[in-house]
PDB file of N, CA and C in Angstrom:
ATOM      1  N   MET A   1       3.018   2.081   0.473  1.00  0.00           N
ATOM      2  CA  MET A   1       4.367   2.534   1.128  1.00  0.00           C
ATOM      3  C   MET A   1       4.121   2.849   2.731  1.00  0.00           C
ATOM      4  N   THR A   2       5.207   2.499   3.307  1.00  0.00           N
ATOM      5  CA  THR A   2       5.087   2.393   4.888  1.00  0.00           C
ATOM      6  C   THR A   2       5.698   3.847   5.291  1.00  0.00           C
ATOM      7  N   THR A   3       4.925   4.390   6.211  1.00  0.00           N
ATOM      8  CA  THR A   3       5.628   5.685   6.908  1.00  0.00           C
ATOM      9  C   THR A   3       5.996   5.432   8.495  1.00  0.00           C
ATOM     10  N   GLU A   4       6.848   5.821   8.880  1.00  0.00           N
ATOM     11  CA  GLU A   4       7.458   5.873  10.335  1.00  0.00           C
ATOM     12  C   GLU A   4       6.509   6.852  10.952  1.00  0.00           C
ATOM     13  N   PRO A   5       6.351   6.350  12.399  1.00  0.00           N
ATOM     14  CA  PRO A   5       5.575   6.865  13.127  1.00  0.00           C
ATOM     15  C   PRO A   5       6.282   8.451  13.590  1.00  0.00           C
ATOM     16  N   THR A   6       5.482   9.174  13.750  1.00  0.00           N
ATOM     17  CA  THR A   6       5.994  10.527  14.035  1.00  0.00           C
ATOM     18  C   THR A   6       5.466  10.917  15.330  1.00  0.00           C
ATOM     19  N   PHE A   7       6.314  11.998  15.841  1.00  0.00           N
ATOM     20  CA  PHE A   7       6.154  12.108  17.195  1.00  0.00           C
ATOM     21  C   PHE A   7       6.224  13.729  17.761  1.00  0.00           C
ATOM     22  N   ARG A   8       5.527  14.442  18.434  1.00  0.00           N
ATOM     23  CA  ARG A   8       5.479  15.989  18.623  1.00  0.00           C
ATOM     24  C   ARG A   8       6.674  16.054  19.706  1.00  0.00           C
ATOM     25  N   VAL A   9       7.545  16.747  19.858  1.00  0.00           N
ATOM     26  CA  VAL A   9       8.366  17.246  20.966  1.00  0.00           C
ATOM     27  C   VAL A   9       8.576  18.654  21.236  1.00  0.00           C
ATOM     28  N   LYS A  10       8.003  18.858  22.426  1.00  0.00           N
ATOM     29  CA  LYS A  10       8.097  20.303  22.957  1.00  0.00           C
ATOM     30  C   LYS A  10       9.554  20.989  23.596  1.00  0.00           C
ATOM     31  N   VAL A  11       9.975  21.868  23.286  1.00  0.00           N
ATOM     32  CA  VAL A  11      11.200  22.438  23.862  1.00  0.00           C
ATOM     33  C   VAL A  11      10.548  23.640  24.774  1.00  0.00           C
ATOM     34  N   ASP A  12      10.967  23.552  25.882  1.00  0.00           N
ATOM     35  CA  ASP A  12      10.700  24.284  27.171  1.00  0.00           C
ATOM     36  C   ASP A  12      11.372  25.578  26.934  1.00  0.00           C
ATOM     37  N   ALA A  13      10.899  26.817  27.741  1.00  0.00           N
ATOM     38  CA  ALA A  13      11.639  27.977  27.724  1.00  0.00           C
ATOM     39  C   ALA A  13      13.260  28.207  27.828  1.00  0.00           C
ATOM     40  N   LYS A  14      13.659  26.861  28.623  1.00  0.00           N
ATOM     41  CA  LYS A  14      14.845  26.624  28.658  1.00  0.00           C
ATOM     42  C   LYS A  14      15.681  25.904  27.370  1.00  0.00           C
ATOM     43  N   ARG A  15      14.843  25.958  26.456  1.00  0.00           N
ATOM     44  CA  ARG A  15      15.366  25.077  25.556  1.00  0.00           C
ATOM     45  C   ARG A  15      15.840  23.467  25.678  1.00  0.00           C
ATOM     46  N   ARG A  16      15.009  22.935  26.262  1.00  0.00           N
ATOM     47  CA  ARG A  16      15.065  21.414  27.043  1.00  0.00           C
ATOM     48  C   ARG A  16      13.878  20.564  26.220  1.00  0.00           C
ATOM     49  N   PRO A  17      14.281  19.564  25.391  1.00  0.00           N
ATOM     50  CA  PRO A  17      13.360  19.025  24.818  1.00  0.00           C
ATOM     51  C   PRO A  17      12.780  17.714  25.647  1.00  0.00           C
ATOM     52  N   THR A  18      11.243  17.710  25.788  1.00  0.00           N
ATOM     53  CA  THR A  18      10.821  16.462  26.167  1.00  0.00           C
ATOM     54  C   THR A  18      10.234  15.393  25.094  1.00  0.00           C
ATOM     55  N   LEU A  19      10.943  14.292  25.366  1.00  0.00           N
ATOM     56  CA  LEU A  19      10.418  13.502  24.299  1.00  0.00           C
ATOM     57  C   LEU A  19       9.213  12.401  25.056  1.00  0.00           C
ATOM     58  N   PRO A  20       8.285  12.218  24.252  1.00  0.00           N
ATOM     59  CA  PRO A  20       7.435  11.426  24.424  1.00  0.00           C
ATOM     60  C   PRO A  20       7.829  10.056  24.801  1.00  0.00           C
ATOM     61  N   GLN A  21       7.250   9.462  25.798  1.00  0.00           N
ATOM     62  CA  GLN A  21       7.612   7.980  26.481  1.00  0.00           C
ATOM     63  C   GLN A  21       7.397   6.924  25.173  1.00  0.00           C
ATOM     64  N   SER A  22       6.277   7.016  24.327  1.00  0.00           N
ATOM     65  CA  SER A  22       5.860   6.297  23.427  1.00  0.00           C
ATOM     66  C   SER A  22       7.256   6.501  22.230  1.00  0.00           C
ATOM     67  N   LEU A  23       7.847   7.468  22.202  1.00  0.00           N
ATOM     68  CA  LEU A  23       8.904   7.450  21.231  1.00  0.00           C
ATOM     69  C   LEU A  23      10.291   6.794  21.907  1.00  0.00           C
ATOM     70  N   LEU A  24      10.476   7.032  23.010  1.00  0.00           N
ATOM     71  CA  LEU A  24      11.595   6.238  23.886  1.00  0.00           C
ATOM     72  C   LEU A  24      11.363   4.804  23.541  1.00  0.00           C
ATOM     73  N   ASP A  25       9.962   4.372  24.001  1.00  0.00           N
ATOM     74  CA  ASP A  25       9.537   2.970  23.978  1.00  0.00           C
ATOM     75  C   ASP A  25      10.007   2.502  22.378  1.00  0.00           C
ATOM     76  N   ALA A  26       9.602   3.097  21.601  1.00  0.00           N
ATOM     77  CA  ALA A  26       9.695   2.808  20.260  1.00  0.00           C
ATOM     78  C   ALA A  26      11.257   2.579  20.013  1.00  0.00           C
ATOM     79  N   ALA A  27      11.949   3.385  20.525  1.00  0.00           N
ATOM     80  CA  ALA A  27      13.307   3.416  19.945  1.00  0.00           C
ATOM     81  C   ALA A  27      14.284   2.527  20.884  1.00  0.00           C
ATOM     82  N   GLY A  28      13.465   2.151  22.006  1.00  0.00           N
ATOM     83  CA  GLY A  28      14.303   1.139  22.661  1.00  0.00           C
ATOM     84  C   GLY A  28      15.263   1.908  23.881  1.00  0.00           C
ATOM     85  N   ILE A  29      14.652   2.806  24.066  1.00  0.00           N
ATOM     86  CA  ILE A  29      15.701   3.775  24.892  1.00  0.00           C
ATOM     87  C   ILE A  29      15.044   3.745  26.365  1.00  0.00           C
ATOM     88  N   GLY A  30      15.663   3.358  27.168  1.00  0.00           N
ATOM     89  CA  GLY A  30      15.426   3.069  28.795  1.00  0.00           C
ATOM     90  C   GLY A  30      15.823   4.292  29.595  1.00  0.00           C
ATOM     91  N   GLY A  31      15.032   4.553  30.746  1.00  0.00           N
ATOM     92  CA  GLY A  31      15.710   5.633  31.765  1.00  0.00           C
ATOM     93  C   GLY A  31      17.135   5.167  31.916  1.00  0.00           C
ATOM     94  N   GLY A  32      17.840   6.478  32.099  1.00  0.00           N
ATOM     95  CA  GLY A  32      19.242   6.588  32.738  1.00  0.00           C
ATOM     96  C   GLY A  32      20.402   5.936  31.490  1.00  0.00           C
ATOM     97  N   GLN A  33      19.646   5.782  30.302  1.00  0.00           N
ATOM     98  CA  GLN A  33      20.865   5.191  29.172  1.00  0.00           C
ATOM     99  C   GLN A  33      21.298   6.530  28.683  1.00  0.00           C
ATOM    100  N   ASP A  34      22.567   6.538  28.285  1.00  0.00           N
ATOM    101  CA  ASP A  34      23.562   7.289  27.576  1.00  0.00           C
ATOM    102  C   ASP A  34      23.100   7.379  26.246  1.00  0.00           C
ATOM    103  N   LEU A  35      22.812   8.841  25.517  1.00  0.00           N
ATOM    104  CA  LEU A  35      22.688   8.858  24.446  1.00  0.00           C
ATOM    105  C   LEU A  35      23.717   9.506  23.530  1.00  0.00           C
ATOM    106  N   ILE A  36      23.821   9.527  22.815  1.00  0.00           N
ATOM    107  CA  ILE A  36      24.704  10.281  22.003  1.00  0.00           C
ATOM    108  C   ILE A  36      23.868  11.054  20.803  1.00  0.00           C
ATOM    109  N   ALA A  37      24.171  12.463  20.615  1.00  0.00           N
ATOM    110  CA  ALA A  37      23.305  13.437  19.718  1.00  0.00           C
ATOM    111  C   ALA A  37      24.652  13.464  18.543  1.00  0.00           C
ATOM    112  N   HIS A  38      24.006  13.980  17.620  1.00  0.00           N
ATOM    113  CA  HIS A  38      24.885  14.584  16.404  1.00  0.00           C
ATOM    114  C   HIS A  38      24.019  15.190  15.424  1.00  0.00           C
ATOM    115  N   LEU A  39      24.145  16.251  14.462  1.00  0.00           N
ATOM    116  CA  LEU A  39      23.437  17.011  13.486  1.00  0.00           C
ATOM    117  C   LEU A  39      23.772  16.018  12.261  1.00  0.00           C
ATOM    118  N   GLU A  40      22.306  16.232  11.312  1.00  0.00           N
ATOM    119  CA  GLU A  40      22.666  15.888  10.014  1.00  0.00           C
ATOM    120  C   GLU A  40      21.882  17.160   9.509  1.00  0.00           C
ATOM    121  N   PRO A  41      22.713  17.898   8.896  1.00  0.00           N
ATOM    122  CA  PRO A  41      21.953  19.259   8.274  1.00  0.00           C
ATOM    123  C   PRO A  41      21.098  18.893   7.172  1.00  0.00           C
ATOM    124  N   PRO A  42      20.402  19.695   6.794  1.00  0.00           N
ATOM    125  CA  PRO A  42      19.848  20.806   7.439  1.00  0.00           C
ATOM    126  C   PRO A  42      18.909  20.752   8.589  1.00  0.00           C
ATOM    127  N   GLY A  43      19.457  20.944   9.906  1.00  0.00           N
ATOM    128  CA  GLY A  43      18.466  21.097  11.008  1.00  0.00           C
ATOM    129  C   GLY A  43      18.030  19.781  11.556  1.00  0.00           C
ATOM    130  N   ARG A  44      18.691  18.695  11.522  1.00  0.00           N
ATOM    131  CA  ARG A  44      18.130  17.535  11.913  1.00  0.00           C
ATOM    132  C   ARG A  44      19.103  16.962  12.725  1.00  0.00           C
ATOM    133  N   ILE A  45      18.519  16.935  14.106  1.00  0.00           N
ATOM    134  CA  ILE A  45      19.100  16.160  15.370  1.00  0.00           C
ATOM    135  C   ILE A  45      18.993  14.656  15.583  1.00  0.00           C
ATOM    136  N   VAL A  46      20.137  13.659  15.749  1.00  0.00           N
ATOM    137  CA  VAL A  46      19.694  12.497  15.901  1.00  0.00           C
ATOM    138  C   VAL A  46      20.175  12.046  17.288  1.00  0.00           C
ATOM    139  N   LEU A  47      19.521  11.314  17.632  1.00  0.00           N
ATOM    140  CA  LEU A  47      20.152  10.597  19.071  1.00  0.00           C
ATOM    141  C   LEU A  47      19.784   9.056  18.918  1.00  0.00           C
ATOM    142  N   GLU A  48      21.317   8.593  19.421  1.00  0.00           N
ATOM    143  CA  GLU A  48      21.391   7.427  19.173  1.00  0.00           C
ATOM    144  C   GLU A  48      21.943   6.664  20.563  1.00  0.00           C
ATOM    145  N   GLY A  49      21.489   5.299  21.019  1.00  0.00           N
ATOM    146  CA  GLY A  49      21.993   4.900  22.236  1.00  0.00           C
ATOM    147  C   GLY A  49      23.791   4.722  22.007  1.00  0.00           C
ATOM    148  N   ALA A  50      24.114   4.972  23.130  1.00  0.00           N
ATOM    149  CA  ALA A  50      25.773   4.604  23.085  1.00  0.00           C
ATOM    150  C   ALA A  50      26.041   3.249  22.162  1.00  0.00           C
ATOM    151  N   GLY A  51      25.432   2.293  22.847  1.00  0.00           N
ATOM    152  CA  GLY A  51      25.810   0.995  22.370  1.00  0.00           C
ATOM    153  C   GLY A  51      25.648   0.856  20.679  1.00  0.00           C
ATOM    154  N   THR A  52      24.365   1.469  20.407  1.00  0.00           N
ATOM    155  CA  THR A  52      24.307   1.549  18.909  1.00  0.00           C
ATOM    156  C   THR A  52      25.478   2.224  18.069  1.00  0.00           C
ATOM    157  N   VAL A  53      25.504   3.288  18.521  1.00  0.00           N
ATOM    158  CA  VAL A  53      26.756   3.947  17.873  1.00  0.00           C
ATOM    159  C   VAL A  53      28.249   3.103  17.802  1.00  0.00           C
ATOM    160  N   LEU A  54      28.571   2.175  19.022  1.00  0.00           N
ATOM    161  CA  LEU A  54      29.561   1.545  19.130  1.00  0.00           C
ATOM    162  C   LEU A  54      29.553   0.411  17.994  1.00  0.00           C
ATOM    163  N   ALA A  55      28.461   0.180  17.854  1.00  0.00           N
ATOM    164  CA  ALA A  55      28.207  -1.161  17.075  1.00  0.00           C
ATOM    165  C   ALA A  55      28.571  -0.720  15.457  1.00  0.00           C
ATOM    166  N   ARG A  56      27.863   0.452  15.162  1.00  0.00           N
ATOM    167  CA  ARG A  56      27.893   1.182  13.758  1.00  0.00           C
ATOM    168  C   ARG A  56      29.380   1.190  13.655  1.00  0.00           C
ATOM    169  N   LEU A  57      30.224   1.714  14.529  1.00  0.00           N
ATOM    170  CA  LEU A  57      31.640   1.850  14.392  1.00  0.00           C
ATOM    171  C   LEU A  57      32.472   0.914  14.074  1.00  0.00           C
ATOM    172  N   GLN A  58      32.246  -0.092  14.869  1.00  0.00           N
ATOM    173  CA  GLN A  58      32.654  -1.507  14.842  1.00  0.00           C
ATOM    174  C   GLN A  58      32.472  -2.214  13.421  1.00  0.00           C
ATOM    175  N   ASP A  59      31.477  -1.949  12.898  1.00  0.00           N
ATOM    176  CA  ASP A  59      31.111  -2.249  11.721  1.00  0.00           C
ATOM    177  C   ASP A  59      32.012  -1.935  10.410  1.00  0.00           C
ATOM    178  N   ALA A  60      32.079  -0.548  10.973  1.00  0.00           N
ATOM    179  CA  ALA A  60      32.597   0.402   9.700  1.00  0.00           C
ATOM    180  C   ALA A  60      34.124  -0.230   9.697  1.00  0.00           C
ATOM    181  N   VAL A  61      34.742  -0.173  11.126  1.00  0.00           N
ATOM    182  CA  VAL A  61      36.003  -0.918  10.946  1.00  0.00           C
ATOM    183  C   VAL A  61      36.472  -2.260  10.054  1.00  0.00           C
ATOM    184  N   ARG A  62      35.502  -3.157  10.298  1.00  0.00           N
ATOM    185  CA  ARG A  62      35.189  -4.235  10.195  1.00  0.00           C
ATOM    186  C   ARG A  62      35.314  -4.567   8.563  1.00  0.00           C
ATOM    187  N   ALA A  63      34.406  -3.548   8.256  1.00  0.00           N
ATOM    188  CA  ALA A  63      34.048  -3.224   6.432  1.00  0.00           C
ATOM    189  C   ALA A  63      35.331  -2.774   5.937  1.00  0.00           C
ATOM    190  N   GLY A  64      36.028  -1.954   6.695  1.00  0.00           N
ATOM    191  CA  GLY A  64      37.357  -1.298   6.093  1.00  0.00           C
ATOM    192  C   GLY A  64      38.200  -2.162   5.768  1.00  0.00           C
ATOM    193  N   LYS A  65      38.366  -3.121   7.101  1.00  0.00           N
ATOM    194  CA  LYS A  65      39.545  -4.320   7.091  1.00  0.00           C
ATOM    195  C   LYS A  65      39.208  -5.299   5.944  1.00  0.00           C
ATOM    196  N   ASP A  66      38.095  -5.717   6.022  1.00  0.00           N
ATOM    197  CA  ASP A  66      37.573  -6.590   4.900  1.00  0.00           C
ATOM    198  C   ASP A  66      37.821  -5.855   3.235  1.00  0.00           C
ATOM    199  N   ALA A  67      37.549  -4.699   3.176  1.00  0.00           N
ATOM    200  CA  ALA A  67      38.110  -3.994   1.978  1.00  0.00           C
ATOM    201  C   ALA A  67      39.366  -4.313   1.670  1.00  0.00           C
ATOM    202  N   ARG A  68      40.030  -4.301   2.555  1.00  0.00           N
ATOM    203  CA  ARG A  68      41.731  -4.039   2.103  1.00  0.00           C
ATOM    204  C   ARG A  68      42.117  -5.483   2.472  1.00  0.00           C
ATOM    205  N   GLY A  69      41.498  -6.486   2.812  1.00  0.00           N
ATOM    206  CA  GLY A  69      42.103  -7.908   2.894  1.00  0.00           C
ATOM    207  C   GLY A  69      42.834  -8.047   3.993  1.00  0.00           C
ATOM    208  N   ILE A  70      42.502  -7.293   5.193  1.00  0.00           N
ATOM    209  CA  ILE A  70      43.113  -7.097   6.370  1.00  0.00           C
ATOM    210  C   ILE A  70      42.678  -8.338   7.258  1.00  0.00           C
ATOM    211  N   THR A  71      43.291  -9.400   7.896  1.00  0.00           N
ATOM    212  CA  THR A  71      42.654 -10.668   8.692  1.00  0.00           C
ATOM    213  C   THR A  71      42.929 -10.593  10.063  1.00  0.00           C
ATOM    214  N   ALA A  72      44.054 -10.013  10.370  1.00  0.00           N
ATOM    215  CA  ALA A  72      44.496  -9.902  11.776  1.00  0.00           C
ATOM    216  C   ALA A  72      44.223  -8.965  12.280  1.00  0.00           C
ATOM    217  N   SER A  73      44.115  -9.188  13.827  1.00  0.00           N
ATOM    218  CA  SER A  73      43.380  -7.885  14.401  1.00  0.00           C
ATOM    219  C   SER A  73      44.559  -7.155  14.623  1.00  0.00           C
ATOM    220  N   LEU A  74      43.958  -5.577  14.498  1.00  0.00           N
ATOM    221  CA  LEU A  74      44.767  -4.826  14.931  1.00  0.00           C
ATOM    222  C   LEU A  74      45.747  -4.647  16.090  1.00  0.00           C
ATOM    223  N   ALA A  75      44.825  -5.228  16.947  1.00  0.00           N
ATOM    224  CA  ALA A  75      45.717  -5.458  18.318  1.00  0.00           C
ATOM    225  C   ALA A  75      46.662  -6.047  18.553  1.00  0.00           C
ATOM    226  N   ASP A  76      46.412  -7.346  17.824  1.00  0.00           N
ATOM    227  CA  ASP A  76      47.514  -8.352  17.733  1.00  0.00           C
ATOM    228  C   ASP A  76      48.590  -7.703  16.763  1.00  0.00           C
ATOM    229  N   GLU A  77      48.079  -6.913  16.051  1.00  0.00           N
ATOM    230  CA  GLU A  77      49.460  -6.457  15.145  1.00  0.00           C
ATOM    231  C   GLU A  77      50.206  -5.689  15.968  1.00  0.00           C
ATOM    232  N   LEU A  78      49.453  -4.454  16.687  1.00  0.00           N
ATOM    233  CA  LEU A  78      50.228  -3.805  17.601  1.00  0.00           C
ATOM    234  C   LEU A  78      51.250  -4.221  18.577  1.00  0.00           C
ATOM    235  N   LEU A  79      50.708  -5.474  19.344  1.00  0.00           N
ATOM    236  CA  LEU A  79      51.756  -6.164  20.227  1.00  0.00           C
ATOM    237  C   LEU A  79      52.743  -6.793  19.716  1.00  0.00           C
ATOM    238  N   VAL A  80      52.519  -7.296  18.121  1.00  0.00           N
ATOM    239  CA  VAL A  80      53.829  -7.775  17.437  1.00  0.00           C
ATOM    240  C   VAL A  80      54.639  -6.666  17.378  1.00  0.00           C
ATOM    241  N   GLU A  81      54.537  -5.823  16.826  1.00  0.00           N
ATOM    242  CA  GLU A  81      55.374  -4.582  16.606  1.00  0.00           C
ATOM    243  C   GLU A  81      56.013  -3.796  17.862  1.00  0.00           C
ATOM    244  N   ARG A  82      55.120  -3.976  18.987  1.00  0.00           N
ATOM    245  CA  ARG A  82      55.858  -3.421  20.265  1.00  0.00           C
ATOM    246  C   ARG A  82      56.678  -4.755  20.710  1.00  0.00           C
ATOM    247  N   ALA A  83      56.634  -5.578  20.565  1.00  0.00           N
ATOM    248  CA  ALA A  83      57.245  -6.683  20.793  1.00  0.00           C
ATOM    249  C   ALA A  83      58.663  -6.678  19.854  1.00  0.00           C
ATOM    250  N   ALA A  84      58.666  -6.451  18.958  1.00  0.00           N
ATOM    251  CA  ALA A  84      59.817  -6.332  17.879  1.00  0.00           C
ATOM    252  C   ALA A  84      60.750  -5.131  18.341  1.00  0.00           C
ATOM    253  N   ASP A  85      59.860  -3.923  19.003  1.00  0.00           N
ATOM    254  CA  ASP A  85      60.647  -2.607  18.948  1.00  0.00           C
ATOM    255  C   ASP A  85      61.547  -2.668  20.064  1.00  0.00           C
ATOM    256  N   THR A  86      63.016  -2.801  19.960  1.00  0.00           N
ATOM    257  CA  THR A  86      63.656  -2.845  21.212  1.00  0.00           C
ATOM    258  C   THR A  86      64.595  -1.320  21.397  1.00  0.00           C
ATOM    259  N   SER A  87      63.774  -0.566  20.631  1.00  0.00           N
ATOM    260  CA  SER A  87      64.531   0.877  20.958  1.00  0.00           C
ATOM    261  C   SER A  87      64.469   1.608  22.278  1.00  0.00           C
ATOM    262  N   MET A  88      63.541   1.194  23.076  1.00  0.00           N
ATOM    263  CA  MET A  88      63.126   1.529  24.106  1.00  0.00           C
ATOM    264  C   MET A  88      63.518   0.667  25.570  1.00  0.00           C
ATOM    265  N   ASP A  89      63.898  -0.387  25.064  1.00  0.00           N
ATOM    266  CA  ASP A  89      64.608  -1.297  25.949  1.00  0.00           C
ATOM    267  C   ASP A  89      65.650  -0.868  27.055  1.00  0.00           C
ATOM    268  N   VAL A  90      65.513  -1.194  28.516  1.00  0.00           N
ATOM    269  CA  VAL A  90      66.529  -0.862  29.283  1.00  0.00           C
ATOM    270  C   VAL A  90      67.254  -1.919  29.721  1.00  0.00           C
ATOM    271  N   PRO A  91      68.674  -1.637  29.525  1.00  0.00           N
ATOM    272  CA  PRO A  91      69.271  -2.695  29.789  1.00  0.00           C
ATOM    273  C   PRO A  91      69.371  -3.258  31.468  1.00  0.00           C
ATOM    274  N   LEU A  92      69.500  -4.549  31.479  1.00  0.00           N
ATOM    275  CA  LEU A  92      69.352  -4.740  32.938  1.00  0.00           C
ATOM    276  C   LEU A  92      70.667  -4.517  33.689  1.00  0.00           C
ATOM    277  N   ALA A  93      70.609  -3.940  34.894  1.00  0.00           N
ATOM    278  CA  ALA A  93      71.495  -3.683  35.650  1.00  0.00           C
ATOM    279  C   ALA A  93      72.683  -4.697  36.105  1.00  0.00           C
ATOM    280  N   ASP A  94      73.947  -4.617  36.123  1.00  0.00           N
ATOM    281  CA  ASP A  94      74.980  -5.291  36.540  1.00  0.00           C
ATOM    282  C   ASP A  94      74.614  -6.145  37.893  1.00  0.00           C
ATOM    283  N   ASP A  95      74.670  -7.134  38.306  1.00  0.00           N
ATOM    284  CA  ASP A  95      74.497  -7.309  39.722  1.00  0.00           C
ATOM    285  C   ASP A  95      75.726  -7.462  40.193  1.00  0.00           C
ATOM    286  N   GLY A  96      76.628  -7.056  39.944  1.00  0.00           N
ATOM    287  CA  GLY A  96      78.065  -6.895  40.670  1.00  0.00           C
ATOM    288  C   GLY A  96      78.704  -8.049  41.430  1.00  0.00           C
ATOM    289  N   PRO A  97      79.557  -7.796  41.722  1.00  0.00           N
ATOM    290  CA  PRO A  97      80.639  -9.179  42.486  1.00  0.00           C
ATOM    291  C   PRO A  97      79.909  -9.881  43.463  1.00  0.00           C
ATOM    292  N   ASP A  98      79.186  -9.245  44.103  1.00  0.00           N
ATOM    293  CA  ASP A  98      78.397 -10.183  45.149  1.00  0.00           C
ATOM    294  C   ASP A  98      77.158 -10.675  44.789  1.00  0.00           C
ATOM    295  N   ALA A  99      76.775 -10.957  43.327  1.00  0.00           N
ATOM    296  CA  ALA A  99      75.703 -11.544  43.090  1.00  0.00           C
ATOM    297  C   ALA A  99      75.734 -13.200  43.265  1.00  0.00           C
ATOM    298  N   ASP A 100      76.881 -13.891  43.247  1.00  0.00           N
ATOM    299  CA  ASP A 100      76.894 -15.042  43.618  1.00  0.00           C
ATOM    300  C   ASP A 100      76.537 -15.790  44.964  1.00  0.00           C
ATOM    301  N   GLN A 101      76.662 -14.636  46.031  1.00  0.00           N
ATOM    302  CA  GLN A 101      76.324 -15.024  47.325  1.00  0.00           C
ATOM    303  C   GLN A 101      75.462 -15.378  47.899  1.00  0.00           C
TER     304      GLN A 101
END
């Protein structure tokens, strides 16, 4: 059985955690990188890189589309619907009698 490494994290009096450099290195998290935090009850805090979260959400959307047999891009479908919707079209102004001059 393989166990994942564990790291001790201290929380100071202002409730700020200090993550060990070795933990950040093992997770591939560099300085200045945005992290997303979420809770997994009971009492578990998960930190993920923003890119990791985005990739996971994109995979979930792709899997949902595949499960429903959707092959077209949702953006392309929206553009087609907008092009077909003439309810908001504004008629062009009449150029008037002097238009040919």
